[in-house]
Amino acid sequence: MPDSRHASLCRRSVLLALLSTTLAACAQTEAAISPFSEPTRADASALGKEPTLLVVTTRKPTGGGAPFFGPERGAGLTFAEVRLSPPGRGISGQLASTVGEDWSVLGIDRRTSSDAARSFAQAVNGRDVLLYVHGYNETFESAVRSAGQLSHALEFQGRTALFSWPSGGALLDYGYDRESALWSRDGFVQALRALVNNPTVGRIHIVAHSMGTFLTLEALRELRAETDVSSRIGAIVFASPDVDIDAFEQTVSKLGPLAQRMTLIIDPGDRALAVSARIAGGVARAGAAERSRLEALGVRVADTSGRGWSMLRHNLFLSDSEVTLVVRRAMERTGA
């Protein structure tokens, strides 16, 4: 075997080993909670009182029961309402949970692909909306649980929604996931456009994680070119953004006032982003970039270095109560 080919195979083997050991799950196998997280009643959020999650997705329906939507790409945009079960009950019978406990999926009440974006916006029904966009290596059900967990931790009082794109939900599907996120841009633009154009919808708060930030940036750039959406968008929170730092700077510079609504949660010690950077040829990811470089773009930055007990340090916005508070404050600044 020629030396160059042997070296190439060796490098690939090393990257695969890194993926297997470091990216064991982008959001699924990290330590669930910090030992110091305070318990929060599940009914402190609107989702806890009425546990129905709005979902708009570009995934292909499975045609049966769980998991309801698979990793394949669907024929179009689909809207669904997902019934959830809160994590637990306290001694008095009141619903209660801690930040890291899982919500469970009971089933889907309604599914439609006929003008899905419009149906989605109408279901918000005059309230503020928290729109969560998941990251790499997420199944539909794990993304639903994360959306419920986030809403609960924030004690959000509006409608909670999830945009779920067709992640493969597997370690070695990083390339497929990135292409699927980009492929889902048109669907996400449709969903956002429907929210923005519906005058009964309140503030639209977006929280995007990891590779979901790449999709969100692309959609905001396209929508911003159509109309001034800054009066409708509340907070835009990018948690551990897995985006090329050069591309991030280029895109944010074109977003005008929207940049001032952005908060980035970063950590130079994020091991998942370190592997992403290696896959990308050594280009740093925005979630692990220098704080000063990001702040020069006019965005707010929360550096979580030294916080949390997670090995990967990639989803502290869900697993650490102080980091979750960063999200809540970003929403409060924009009139949550």
C-alpha atoms as a PDB file:
ATOM      1  CA  MET A   1       0.000   0.000   0.000  1.00  0.00           C
ATOM      2  CA  PRO A   2       1.454   3.419  -0.911  1.00  0.00           C
ATOM      3  CA  ASP A   3       2.542   5.484   2.083  1.00  0.00           C
ATOM      4  CA  SER A   4       0.149   8.350   1.234  1.00  0.00           C
ATOM      5  CA  ARG A   5      -2.875   6.040   1.108  1.00  0.00           C
ATOM      6  CA  HIS A   6      -1.809   4.330   4.322  1.00  0.00           C
ATOM      7  CA  ALA A   7      -1.438   7.695   6.047  1.00  0.00           C
ATOM      8  CA  SER A   8      -4.861   8.777   4.806  1.00  0.00           C
ATOM      9  CA  LEU A   9      -6.487   5.621   6.142  1.00  0.00           C
ATOM     10  CA  CYS A  10      -4.726   6.079   9.463  1.00  0.00           C
ATOM     11  CA  ARG A  11      -6.009   9.651   9.764  1.00  0.00           C
ATOM     12  CA  ARG A  12      -9.527   8.472   8.965  1.00  0.00           C
ATOM     13  CA  SER A  13      -9.275   5.725  11.583  1.00  0.00           C
ATOM     14  CA  VAL A  14      -8.182   8.263  14.181  1.00  0.00           C
ATOM     15  CA  LEU A  15     -11.123  10.541  13.349  1.00  0.00           C
ATOM     16  CA  LEU A  16     -13.547   7.628  13.549  1.00  0.00           C
ATOM     17  CA  ALA A  17     -12.093   6.692  16.924  1.00  0.00           C
ATOM     18  CA  LEU A  18     -12.492  10.274  18.103  1.00  0.00           C
ATOM     19  CA  LEU A  19     -16.085  10.306  16.907  1.00  0.00           C
ATOM     20  CA  SER A  20     -16.822   7.059  18.706  1.00  0.00           C
ATOM     21  CA  THR A  21     -15.313   8.149  22.009  1.00  0.00           C
ATOM     22  CA  THR A  22     -16.014  11.873  22.031  1.00  0.00           C
ATOM     23  CA  LEU A  23     -19.259  12.301  20.116  1.00  0.00           C
ATOM     24  CA  ALA A  24     -20.985   9.338  21.733  1.00  0.00           C
ATOM     25  CA  ALA A  25     -23.985  11.626  21.806  1.00  0.00           C
ATOM     26  CA  CYS A  26     -24.356  15.264  21.021  1.00  0.00           C
ATOM     27  CA  ALA A  27     -27.200  15.531  23.493  1.00  0.00           C
ATOM     28  CA  GLN A  28     -28.112  12.065  24.670  1.00  0.00           C
ATOM     29  CA  THR A  29     -25.355  10.651  26.897  1.00  0.00           C
ATOM     30  CA  GLU A  30     -23.945  13.630  28.745  1.00  0.00           C
ATOM     31  CA  ALA A  31     -24.465  13.845  32.493  1.00  0.00           C
ATOM     32  CA  ALA A  32     -28.123  14.682  32.867  1.00  0.00           C
ATOM     33  CA  ILE A  33     -27.868  17.342  35.547  1.00  0.00           C
ATOM     34  CA  SER A  34     -25.413  19.209  37.670  1.00  0.00           C
ATOM     35  CA  PRO A  35     -25.377  17.901  41.255  1.00  0.00           C
ATOM     36  CA  PHE A  36     -26.294  21.419  42.326  1.00  0.00           C
ATOM     37  CA  SER A  37     -29.323  21.932  40.051  1.00  0.00           C
ATOM     38  CA  GLU A  38     -32.392  23.093  41.927  1.00  0.00           C
ATOM     39  CA  PRO A  39     -35.585  21.071  41.453  1.00  0.00           C
ATOM     40  CA  THR A  40     -38.306  22.838  39.479  1.00  0.00           C
ATOM     41  CA  ARG A  41     -42.007  21.988  39.368  1.00  0.00           C
ATOM     42  CA  ALA A  42     -43.005  20.751  35.928  1.00  0.00           C
ATOM     43  CA  ASP A  43     -46.215  22.782  36.106  1.00  0.00           C
ATOM     44  CA  ALA A  44     -44.165  25.980  36.491  1.00  0.00           C
ATOM     45  CA  SER A  45     -44.107  26.105  32.681  1.00  0.00           C
ATOM     46  CA  ALA A  46     -47.076  26.282  30.330  1.00  0.00           C
ATOM     47  CA  LEU A  47     -45.893  22.994  28.805  1.00  0.00           C
ATOM     48  CA  GLY A  48     -46.047  21.376  32.240  1.00  0.00           C
ATOM     49  CA  LYS A  49     -49.674  22.437  32.658  1.00  0.00           C
ATOM     50  CA  GLU A  50     -50.699  21.524  29.108  1.00  0.00           C
ATOM     51  CA  PRO A  51     -48.064  19.056  27.851  1.00  0.00           C
ATOM     52  CA  THR A  52     -48.593  19.380  24.105  1.00  0.00           C
ATOM     53  CA  LEU A  53     -45.564  20.249  21.996  1.00  0.00           C
ATOM     54  CA  LEU A  54     -45.950  21.812  18.554  1.00  0.00           C
ATOM     55  CA  VAL A  55     -43.699  20.165  15.990  1.00  0.00           C
ATOM     56  CA  VAL A  56     -42.872  21.129  12.434  1.00  0.00           C
ATOM     57  CA  THR A  57     -40.491  18.767  10.690  1.00  0.00           C
ATOM     58  CA  THR A  58     -38.822  17.826   7.428  1.00  0.00           C
ATOM     59  CA  ARG A  59     -38.435  14.218   8.591  1.00  0.00           C
ATOM     60  CA  LYS A  60     -40.323  11.418   6.846  1.00  0.00           C
ATOM     61  CA  PRO A  61     -43.226  10.021   8.911  1.00  0.00           C
ATOM     62  CA  THR A  62     -42.814   6.375   9.873  1.00  0.00           C
ATOM     63  CA  GLY A  63     -46.446   5.611   9.121  1.00  0.00           C
ATOM     64  CA  GLY A  64     -47.099   4.008  12.495  1.00  0.00           C
ATOM     65  CA  GLY A  65     -46.363   4.504  16.168  1.00  0.00           C
ATOM     66  CA  ALA A  66     -43.096   5.367  17.834  1.00  0.00           C
ATOM     67  CA  PRO A  67     -40.695   6.788  16.785  1.00  0.00           C
ATOM     68  CA  PHE A  68     -43.331   8.630  14.630  1.00  0.00           C
ATOM     69  CA  PHE A  69     -40.659  10.262  12.416  1.00  0.00           C
ATOM     70  CA  GLY A  70     -37.447   8.625  11.241  1.00  0.00           C
ATOM     71  CA  PRO A  71     -34.053   9.825   9.965  1.00  0.00           C
ATOM     72  CA  GLU A  72     -35.138   9.906   6.310  1.00  0.00           C
ATOM     73  CA  ARG A  73     -36.030  13.121   4.498  1.00  0.00           C
ATOM     74  CA  GLY A  74     -39.730  13.701   4.016  1.00  0.00           C
ATOM     75  CA  ALA A  75     -41.565  14.784   0.881  1.00  0.00           C
ATOM     76  CA  GLY A  76     -42.425  18.136   2.434  1.00  0.00           C
ATOM     77  CA  LEU A  77     -43.048  19.987   5.653  1.00  0.00           C
ATOM     78  CA  THR A  78     -45.196  18.229   8.255  1.00  0.00           C
ATOM     79  CA  PHE A  79     -46.949  19.734  11.264  1.00  0.00           C
ATOM     80  CA  ALA A  80     -47.821  17.654  14.317  1.00  0.00           C
ATOM     81  CA  GLU A  81     -48.875  18.062  17.922  1.00  0.00           C
ATOM     82  CA  VAL A  82     -47.082  15.724  20.296  1.00  0.00           C
ATOM     83  CA  ARG A  83     -48.543  14.661  23.618  1.00  0.00           C
ATOM     84  CA  LEU A  84     -45.945  14.515  26.381  1.00  0.00           C
ATOM     85  CA  SER A  85     -45.789  13.127  29.876  1.00  0.00           C
ATOM     86  CA  PRO A  86     -43.942  15.327  32.407  1.00  0.00           C
ATOM     87  CA  PRO A  87     -41.029  13.654  34.203  1.00  0.00           C
ATOM     88  CA  GLY A  88     -42.510  12.863  37.629  1.00  0.00           C
ATOM     89  CA  ARG A  89     -44.814  13.681  40.518  1.00  0.00           C
ATOM     90  CA  GLY A  90     -44.026  15.051  43.926  1.00  0.00           C
ATOM     91  CA  ILE A  91     -45.185  13.695  47.299  1.00  0.00           C
ATOM     92  CA  SER A  92     -48.308  15.844  47.260  1.00  0.00           C
ATOM     93  CA  GLY A  93     -49.263  14.648  43.785  1.00  0.00           C
ATOM     94  CA  GLN A  94     -48.140  17.888  42.131  1.00  0.00           C
ATOM     95  CA  LEU A  95     -46.190  17.467  38.925  1.00  0.00           C
ATOM     96  CA  ALA A  96     -42.494  17.945  39.631  1.00  0.00           C
ATOM     97  CA  SER A  97     -39.097  17.291  38.076  1.00  0.00           C
ATOM     98  CA  THR A  98     -35.532  18.442  37.974  1.00  0.00           C
ATOM     99  CA  VAL A  99     -33.885  20.074  34.975  1.00  0.00           C
ATOM    100  CA  GLY A 100     -32.267  16.891  33.738  1.00  0.00           C
ATOM    101  CA  GLU A 101     -35.071  14.350  33.981  1.00  0.00           C
ATOM    102  CA  ASP A 102     -36.651  13.137  30.753  1.00  0.00           C
ATOM    103  CA  TRP A 103     -40.066  13.933  29.413  1.00  0.00           C
ATOM    104  CA  SER A 104     -41.658  11.021  27.595  1.00  0.00           C
ATOM    105  CA  VAL A 105     -43.589  10.931  24.334  1.00  0.00           C
ATOM    106  CA  LEU A 106     -47.129   9.553  24.658  1.00  0.00           C
ATOM    107  CA  GLY A 107     -48.209   9.967  21.052  1.00  0.00           C
ATOM    108  CA  ILE A 108     -49.219  12.308  18.266  1.00  0.00           C
ATOM    109  CA  ASP A 109     -52.719  13.762  18.307  1.00  0.00           C
ATOM    110  CA  ARG A 110     -52.775  15.400  14.906  1.00  0.00           C
ATOM    111  CA  ARG A 111     -50.600  15.266  11.811  1.00  0.00           C
ATOM    112  CA  THR A 112     -51.025  17.167   8.588  1.00  0.00           C
ATOM    113  CA  SER A 113     -48.953  18.036   5.534  1.00  0.00           C
ATOM    114  CA  SER A 114     -51.540  20.365   3.998  1.00  0.00           C
ATOM    115  CA  ASP A 115     -50.180  23.904   4.399  1.00  0.00           C
ATOM    116  CA  ALA A 116     -48.201  22.712   7.398  1.00  0.00           C
ATOM    117  CA  ALA A 117     -46.452  26.033   8.042  1.00  0.00           C
ATOM    118  CA  ARG A 118     -49.721  27.929   8.277  1.00  0.00           C
ATOM    119  CA  SER A 119     -51.271  25.292  10.570  1.00  0.00           C
ATOM    120  CA  PHE A 120     -48.192  25.513  12.756  1.00  0.00           C
ATOM    121  CA  ALA A 121     -48.404  29.306  13.104  1.00  0.00           C
ATOM    122  CA  GLN A 122     -52.141  29.195  13.833  1.00  0.00           C
ATOM    123  CA  ALA A 123     -51.597  26.646  16.609  1.00  0.00           C
ATOM    124  CA  VAL A 124     -49.441  29.155  18.502  1.00  0.00           C
ATOM    125  CA  ASN A 125     -52.776  30.910  19.106  1.00  0.00           C
ATOM    126  CA  GLY A 126     -51.729  34.444  19.958  1.00  0.00           C
ATOM    127  CA  ARG A 127     -48.930  33.645  22.373  1.00  0.00           C
ATOM    128  CA  ASP A 128     -45.169  34.004  22.470  1.00  0.00           C
ATOM    129  CA  VAL A 129     -43.381  30.969  21.077  1.00  0.00           C
ATOM    130  CA  LEU A 130     -40.176  29.196  22.047  1.00  0.00           C
ATOM    131  CA  LEU A 131     -38.829  27.485  18.927  1.00  0.00           C
ATOM    132  CA  TYR A 132     -36.125  24.887  19.559  1.00  0.00           C
ATOM    133  CA  VAL A 133     -33.865  23.610  16.752  1.00  0.00           C
ATOM    134  CA  HIS A 134     -31.897  20.512  17.703  1.00  0.00           C
ATOM    135  CA  GLY A 135     -28.373  19.529  16.737  1.00  0.00           C
ATOM    136  CA  TYR A 136     -26.405  16.582  15.354  1.00  0.00           C
ATOM    137  CA  ASN A 137     -27.081  12.959  16.320  1.00  0.00           C
ATOM    138  CA  GLU A 138     -30.661  13.466  17.480  1.00  0.00           C
ATOM    139  CA  THR A 139     -33.585  11.133  16.951  1.00  0.00           C
ATOM    140  CA  PHE A 140     -37.052  12.649  16.749  1.00  0.00           C
ATOM    141  CA  GLU A 141     -37.899  11.483  20.251  1.00  0.00           C
ATOM    142  CA  SER A 142     -34.665  12.715  21.831  1.00  0.00           C
ATOM    143  CA  ALA A 143     -35.218  16.127  20.212  1.00  0.00           C
ATOM    144  CA  VAL A 144     -38.768  16.226  21.604  1.00  0.00           C
ATOM    145  CA  ARG A 145     -37.485  15.430  25.092  1.00  0.00           C
ATOM    146  CA  SER A 146     -34.862  18.175  24.854  1.00  0.00           C
ATOM    147  CA  ALA A 147     -37.491  20.717  23.796  1.00  0.00           C
ATOM    148  CA  GLY A 148     -39.669  19.766  26.758  1.00  0.00           C
ATOM    149  CA  GLN A 149     -36.723  19.880  29.133  1.00  0.00           C
ATOM    150  CA  LEU A 150     -35.684  23.333  27.918  1.00  0.00           C
ATOM    151  CA  SER A 151     -39.182  24.797  28.171  1.00  0.00           C
ATOM    152  CA  HIS A 152     -39.562  23.386  31.663  1.00  0.00           C
ATOM    153  CA  ALA A 153     -36.204  24.710  32.846  1.00  0.00           C
ATOM    154  CA  LEU A 154     -37.038  28.173  31.493  1.00  0.00           C
ATOM    155  CA  GLU A 155     -40.541  28.074  33.045  1.00  0.00           C
ATOM    156  CA  PHE A 156     -41.707  29.365  29.680  1.00  0.00           C
ATOM    157  CA  GLN A 157     -45.316  30.584  29.628  1.00  0.00           C
ATOM    158  CA  GLY A 158     -45.959  30.661  25.866  1.00  0.00           C
ATOM    159  CA  ARG A 159     -46.215  27.823  23.332  1.00  0.00           C
ATOM    160  CA  THR A 160     -43.205  25.579  22.917  1.00  0.00           C
ATOM    161  CA  ALA A 161     -42.339  24.287  19.457  1.00  0.00           C
ATOM    162  CA  LEU A 162     -39.691  22.091  17.875  1.00  0.00           C
ATOM    163  CA  PHE A 163     -38.281  22.238  14.373  1.00  0.00           C
ATOM    164  CA  SER A 164     -36.895  18.773  13.729  1.00  0.00           C
ATOM    165  CA  TRP A 165     -34.738  18.108  10.695  1.00  0.00           C
ATOM    166  CA  PRO A 166     -33.714  14.594   9.551  1.00  0.00           C
ATOM    167  CA  SER A 167     -30.655  13.864  11.629  1.00  0.00           C
ATOM    168  CA  GLY A 168     -29.472  10.296  11.196  1.00  0.00           C
ATOM    169  CA  GLY A 169     -29.269   9.893  14.955  1.00  0.00           C
ATOM    170  CA  ALA A 170     -26.028   7.921  14.662  1.00  0.00           C
ATOM    171  CA  LEU A 171     -22.371   8.619  15.466  1.00  0.00           C
ATOM    172  CA  LEU A 172     -20.956   8.366  11.977  1.00  0.00           C
ATOM    173  CA  ASP A 173     -23.735  10.318  10.266  1.00  0.00           C
ATOM    174  CA  TYR A 174     -22.078  13.707  10.733  1.00  0.00           C
ATOM    175  CA  GLY A 175     -21.814  14.292   6.982  1.00  0.00           C
ATOM    176  CA  TYR A 176     -25.404  13.159   6.367  1.00  0.00           C
ATOM    177  CA  ASP A 177     -26.616  15.369   9.201  1.00  0.00           C
ATOM    178  CA  ARG A 178     -24.895  18.454   7.875  1.00  0.00           C
ATOM    179  CA  GLU A 179     -26.336  17.927   4.391  1.00  0.00           C
ATOM    180  CA  SER A 180     -29.793  17.238   5.853  1.00  0.00           C
ATOM    181  CA  ALA A 181     -29.652  20.418   7.913  1.00  0.00           C
ATOM    182  CA  LEU A 182     -28.840  22.439   4.801  1.00  0.00           C
ATOM    183  CA  TRP A 183     -31.529  20.594   2.807  1.00  0.00           C
ATOM    184  CA  SER A 184     -34.067  21.577   5.498  1.00  0.00           C
ATOM    185  CA  ARG A 185     -33.417  25.300   5.084  1.00  0.00           C
ATOM    186  CA  ASP A 186     -36.436  25.894   2.825  1.00  0.00           C
ATOM    187  CA  GLY A 187     -38.741  24.127   5.264  1.00  0.00           C
ATOM    188  CA  PHE A 188     -37.446  26.119   8.198  1.00  0.00           C
ATOM    189  CA  VAL A 189     -37.838  29.357   6.250  1.00  0.00           C
ATOM    190  CA  GLN A 190     -41.469  28.405   5.545  1.00  0.00           C
ATOM    191  CA  ALA A 191     -42.125  27.777   9.235  1.00  0.00           C
ATOM    192  CA  LEU A 192     -40.459  31.013  10.336  1.00  0.00           C
ATOM    193  CA  ARG A 193     -42.165  33.027   7.608  1.00  0.00           C
ATOM    194  CA  ALA A 194     -45.559  31.715   8.720  1.00  0.00           C
ATOM    195  CA  LEU A 195     -44.868  32.771  12.318  1.00  0.00           C
ATOM    196  CA  VAL A 196     -43.578  36.206  11.314  1.00  0.00           C
ATOM    197  CA  ASN A 197     -46.515  36.866   8.978  1.00  0.00           C
ATOM    198  CA  ASN A 198     -49.161  35.832  11.501  1.00  0.00           C
ATOM    199  CA  PRO A 199     -50.082  39.024  13.415  1.00  0.00           C
ATOM    200  CA  THR A 200     -51.560  37.055  16.321  1.00  0.00           C
ATOM    201  CA  VAL A 201     -48.215  35.432  17.173  1.00  0.00           C
ATOM    202  CA  GLY A 202     -46.255  37.169  19.915  1.00  0.00           C
ATOM    203  CA  ARG A 203     -42.480  37.178  20.284  1.00  0.00           C
ATOM    204  CA  ILE A 204     -40.637  34.397  18.476  1.00  0.00           C
ATOM    205  CA  HIS A 205     -37.724  33.158  20.573  1.00  0.00           C
ATOM    206  CA  ILE A 206     -35.298  30.781  18.855  1.00  0.00           C
ATOM    207  CA  VAL A 207     -32.906  28.466  20.686  1.00  0.00           C
ATOM    208  CA  ALA A 208     -30.692  26.438  18.356  1.00  0.00           C
ATOM    209  CA  HIS A 209     -28.125  23.869  19.426  1.00  0.00           C
ATOM    210  CA  SER A 210     -24.931  22.678  17.760  1.00  0.00           C
ATOM    211  CA  MET A 211     -25.521  21.916  14.055  1.00  0.00           C
ATOM    212  CA  GLY A 212     -29.011  23.388  14.388  1.00  0.00           C
ATOM    213  CA  THR A 213     -27.355  26.808  14.554  1.00  0.00           C
ATOM    214  CA  PHE A 214     -26.019  26.282  11.037  1.00  0.00           C
ATOM    215  CA  LEU A 215     -29.556  25.671   9.768  1.00  0.00           C
ATOM    216  CA  THR A 216     -30.938  28.622  11.739  1.00  0.00           C
ATOM    217  CA  LEU A 217     -28.338  31.054  10.443  1.00  0.00           C
ATOM    218  CA  GLU A 218     -29.024  30.032   6.852  1.00  0.00           C
ATOM    219  CA  ALA A 219     -32.773  30.496   7.314  1.00  0.00           C
ATOM    220  CA  LEU A 220     -32.454  33.860   9.062  1.00  0.00           C
ATOM    221  CA  ARG A 221     -30.196  35.127   6.316  1.00  0.00           C
ATOM    222  CA  GLU A 222     -32.739  34.189   3.650  1.00  0.00           C
ATOM    223  CA  LEU A 223     -35.701  35.565   5.577  1.00  0.00           C
ATOM    224  CA  ARG A 224     -33.878  38.779   6.404  1.00  0.00           C
ATOM    225  CA  ALA A 225     -33.355  39.365   2.680  1.00  0.00           C
ATOM    226  CA  GLU A 226     -37.149  39.283   2.190  1.00  0.00           C
ATOM    227  CA  THR A 227     -38.316  41.536   5.003  1.00  0.00           C
ATOM    228  CA  ASP A 228     -37.334  43.187   8.285  1.00  0.00           C
ATOM    229  CA  VAL A 229     -38.143  40.470  10.806  1.00  0.00           C
ATOM    230  CA  SER A 230     -36.375  42.067  13.767  1.00  0.00           C
ATOM    231  CA  SER A 231     -39.618  43.459  15.235  1.00  0.00           C
ATOM    232  CA  ARG A 232     -41.084  39.927  15.497  1.00  0.00           C
ATOM    233  CA  ILE A 233     -38.027  37.973  16.600  1.00  0.00           C
ATOM    234  CA  GLY A 234     -37.215  37.987  20.305  1.00  0.00           C
ATOM    235  CA  ALA A 235     -34.099  36.235  21.543  1.00  0.00           C
ATOM    236  CA  ILE A 236     -31.864  34.180  19.266  1.00  0.00           C
ATOM    237  CA  VAL A 237     -29.713  31.859  21.374  1.00  0.00           C
ATOM    238  CA  PHE A 238     -27.012  29.729  19.776  1.00  0.00           C
ATOM    239  CA  ALA A 239     -25.837  27.037  22.188  1.00  0.00           C
ATOM    240  CA  SER A 240     -22.474  25.485  21.259  1.00  0.00           C
ATOM    241  CA  PRO A 241     -22.792  26.609  17.629  1.00  0.00           C
ATOM    242  CA  ASP A 242     -21.197  24.112  15.261  1.00  0.00           C
ATOM    243  CA  VAL A 243     -20.547  26.644  12.516  1.00  0.00           C
ATOM    244  CA  ASP A 244     -17.315  27.542  10.747  1.00  0.00           C
ATOM    245  CA  ILE A 245     -16.182  30.762  12.472  1.00  0.00           C
ATOM    246  CA  ASP A 246     -15.370  32.480   9.168  1.00  0.00           C
ATOM    247  CA  ALA A 247     -18.803  31.593   7.762  1.00  0.00           C
ATOM    248  CA  PHE A 248     -20.418  32.706  11.012  1.00  0.00           C
ATOM    249  CA  GLU A 249     -18.789  36.145  10.793  1.00  0.00           C
ATOM    250  CA  GLN A 250     -19.798  36.493   7.165  1.00  0.00           C
ATOM    251  CA  THR A 251     -23.439  35.594   7.792  1.00  0.00           C
ATOM    252  CA  VAL A 252     -23.937  37.606  11.004  1.00  0.00           C
ATOM    253  CA  SER A 253     -22.560  40.707   9.301  1.00  0.00           C
ATOM    254  CA  LYS A 254     -25.504  40.511   6.875  1.00  0.00           C
ATOM    255  CA  LEU A 255     -28.233  40.117   9.503  1.00  0.00           C
ATOM    256  CA  GLY A 256     -28.440  43.742  10.605  1.00  0.00           C
ATOM    257  CA  PRO A 257     -30.462  44.317  13.833  1.00  0.00           C
ATOM    258  CA  LEU A 258     -30.943  40.569  14.311  1.00  0.00           C
ATOM    259  CA  ALA A 259     -27.310  40.302  15.396  1.00  0.00           C
ATOM    260  CA  GLN A 260     -28.112  42.446  18.431  1.00  0.00           C
ATOM    261  CA  ARG A 261     -30.681  39.845  19.529  1.00  0.00           C
ATOM    262  CA  MET A 262     -28.164  37.008  19.447  1.00  0.00           C
ATOM    263  CA  THR A 263     -26.607  35.362  22.480  1.00  0.00           C
ATOM    264  CA  LEU A 264     -23.904  32.750  21.979  1.00  0.00           C
ATOM    265  CA  ILE A 265     -23.147  30.130  24.622  1.00  0.00           C
ATOM    266  CA  ILE A 266     -19.566  29.086  24.026  1.00  0.00           C
ATOM    267  CA  ASP A 267     -16.892  26.937  25.644  1.00  0.00           C
ATOM    268  CA  PRO A 268     -13.330  26.674  24.287  1.00  0.00           C
ATOM    269  CA  GLY A 269     -13.161  23.305  26.054  1.00  0.00           C
ATOM    270  CA  ASP A 270     -16.121  21.823  24.161  1.00  0.00           C
ATOM    271  CA  ARG A 271     -14.791  18.429  23.067  1.00  0.00           C
ATOM    272  CA  ALA A 272     -17.505  17.773  20.507  1.00  0.00           C
ATOM    273  CA  LEU A 273     -16.680  21.015  18.709  1.00  0.00           C
ATOM    274  CA  ALA A 274     -12.975  20.146  18.833  1.00  0.00           C
ATOM    275  CA  VAL A 275     -13.728  17.007  16.825  1.00  0.00           C
ATOM    276  CA  SER A 276     -15.965  18.993  14.440  1.00  0.00           C
ATOM    277  CA  ALA A 277     -13.078  21.386  13.837  1.00  0.00           C
ATOM    278  CA  ARG A 278     -10.780  18.492  12.962  1.00  0.00           C
ATOM    279  CA  ILE A 279     -13.335  17.086  10.526  1.00  0.00           C
ATOM    280  CA  ALA A 280     -13.583  20.563   8.960  1.00  0.00           C
ATOM    281  CA  GLY A 281      -9.848  20.703   8.322  1.00  0.00           C
ATOM    282  CA  GLY A 282      -8.875  22.563  11.462  1.00  0.00           C
ATOM    283  CA  VAL A 283     -11.221  25.551  11.107  1.00  0.00           C
ATOM    284  CA  ALA A 284     -12.489  26.648  14.532  1.00  0.00           C
ATOM    285  CA  ARG A 285     -16.198  26.448  15.295  1.00  0.00           C
ATOM    286  CA  ALA A 286     -18.048  29.532  16.489  1.00  0.00           C
ATOM    287  CA  GLY A 287     -18.919  27.761  19.758  1.00  0.00           C
ATOM    288  CA  ALA A 288     -15.254  27.477  20.666  1.00  0.00           C
ATOM    289  CA  ALA A 289     -13.941  30.710  19.137  1.00  0.00           C
ATOM    290  CA  GLU A 290     -12.301  33.624  20.930  1.00  0.00           C
ATOM    291  CA  ARG A 291     -14.829  35.694  22.821  1.00  0.00           C
ATOM    292  CA  SER A 292     -13.451  39.007  21.583  1.00  0.00           C
ATOM    293  CA  ARG A 293     -13.796  37.908  17.964  1.00  0.00           C
ATOM    294  CA  LEU A 294     -17.473  37.095  18.486  1.00  0.00           C
ATOM    295  CA  GLU A 295     -18.284  40.222  20.480  1.00  0.00           C
ATOM    296  CA  ALA A 296     -16.862  42.329  17.668  1.00  0.00           C
ATOM    297  CA  LEU A 297     -19.899  41.198  15.647  1.00  0.00           C
ATOM    298  CA  GLY A 298     -22.272  42.854  18.120  1.00  0.00           C
ATOM    299  CA  VAL A 299     -23.573  39.607  19.647  1.00  0.00           C
ATOM    300  CA  ARG A 300     -23.706  38.768  23.344  1.00  0.00           C
ATOM    301  CA  VAL A 301     -21.399  35.995  24.503  1.00  0.00           C
ATOM    302  CA  ALA A 302     -21.647  33.727  27.548  1.00  0.00           C
ATOM    303  CA  ASP A 303     -18.448  31.751  28.122  1.00  0.00           C
ATOM    304  CA  THR A 304     -19.247  28.636  30.171  1.00  0.00           C
ATOM    305  CA  SER A 305     -15.646  27.531  30.708  1.00  0.00           C
ATOM    306  CA  GLY A 306     -15.263  25.780  34.045  1.00  0.00           C
ATOM    307  CA  ARG A 307     -18.984  25.157  34.525  1.00  0.00           C
ATOM    308  CA  GLY A 308     -20.825  21.870  34.626  1.00  0.00           C
ATOM    309  CA  TRP A 309     -19.841  18.252  35.135  1.00  0.00           C
ATOM    310  CA  SER A 310     -20.316  16.943  31.629  1.00  0.00           C
ATOM    311  CA  MET A 311     -17.510  15.174  29.772  1.00  0.00           C
ATOM    312  CA  LEU A 312     -18.305  16.653  26.362  1.00  0.00           C
ATOM    313  CA  ARG A 313     -19.358  20.101  27.653  1.00  0.00           C
ATOM    314  CA  HIS A 314     -21.616  20.375  24.608  1.00  0.00           C
ATOM    315  CA  ASN A 315     -25.126  20.829  25.992  1.00  0.00           C
ATOM    316  CA  LEU A 316     -24.703  22.758  29.209  1.00  0.00           C
ATOM    317  CA  PHE A 317     -27.670  24.941  28.272  1.00  0.00           C
ATOM    318  CA  LEU A 318     -29.805  21.902  29.164  1.00  0.00           C
ATOM    319  CA  SER A 319     -27.771  20.279  31.920  1.00  0.00           C
ATOM    320  CA  ASP A 320     -26.562  23.237  34.011  1.00  0.00           C
ATOM    321  CA  SER A 321     -29.076  25.545  35.696  1.00  0.00           C
ATOM    322  CA  GLU A 322     -26.784  28.592  35.589  1.00  0.00           C
ATOM    323  CA  VAL A 323     -26.258  28.198  31.849  1.00  0.00           C
ATOM    324  CA  THR A 324     -29.997  27.731  31.325  1.00  0.00           C
ATOM    325  CA  LEU A 325     -30.411  31.046  33.118  1.00  0.00           C
ATOM    326  CA  VAL A 326     -28.397  32.669  30.297  1.00  0.00           C
ATOM    327  CA  VAL A 327     -31.175  31.643  27.908  1.00  0.00           C
ATOM    328  CA  ARG A 328     -33.886  33.015  30.184  1.00  0.00           C
ATOM    329  CA  ARG A 329     -32.135  36.370  30.564  1.00  0.00           C
ATOM    330  CA  ALA A 330     -31.727  36.657  26.810  1.00  0.00           C
ATOM    331  CA  MET A 331     -35.468  36.206  26.428  1.00  0.00           C
ATOM    332  CA  GLU A 332     -36.245  38.693  29.190  1.00  0.00           C
ATOM    333  CA  ARG A 333     -34.119  41.343  27.490  1.00  0.00           C
ATOM    334  CA  THR A 334     -36.296  41.076  24.390  1.00  0.00           C
ATOM    335  CA  GLY A 335     -39.619  41.204  26.197  1.00  0.00           C
ATOM    336  CA  ALA A 336     -40.351  37.559  27.040  1.00  0.00           C
END
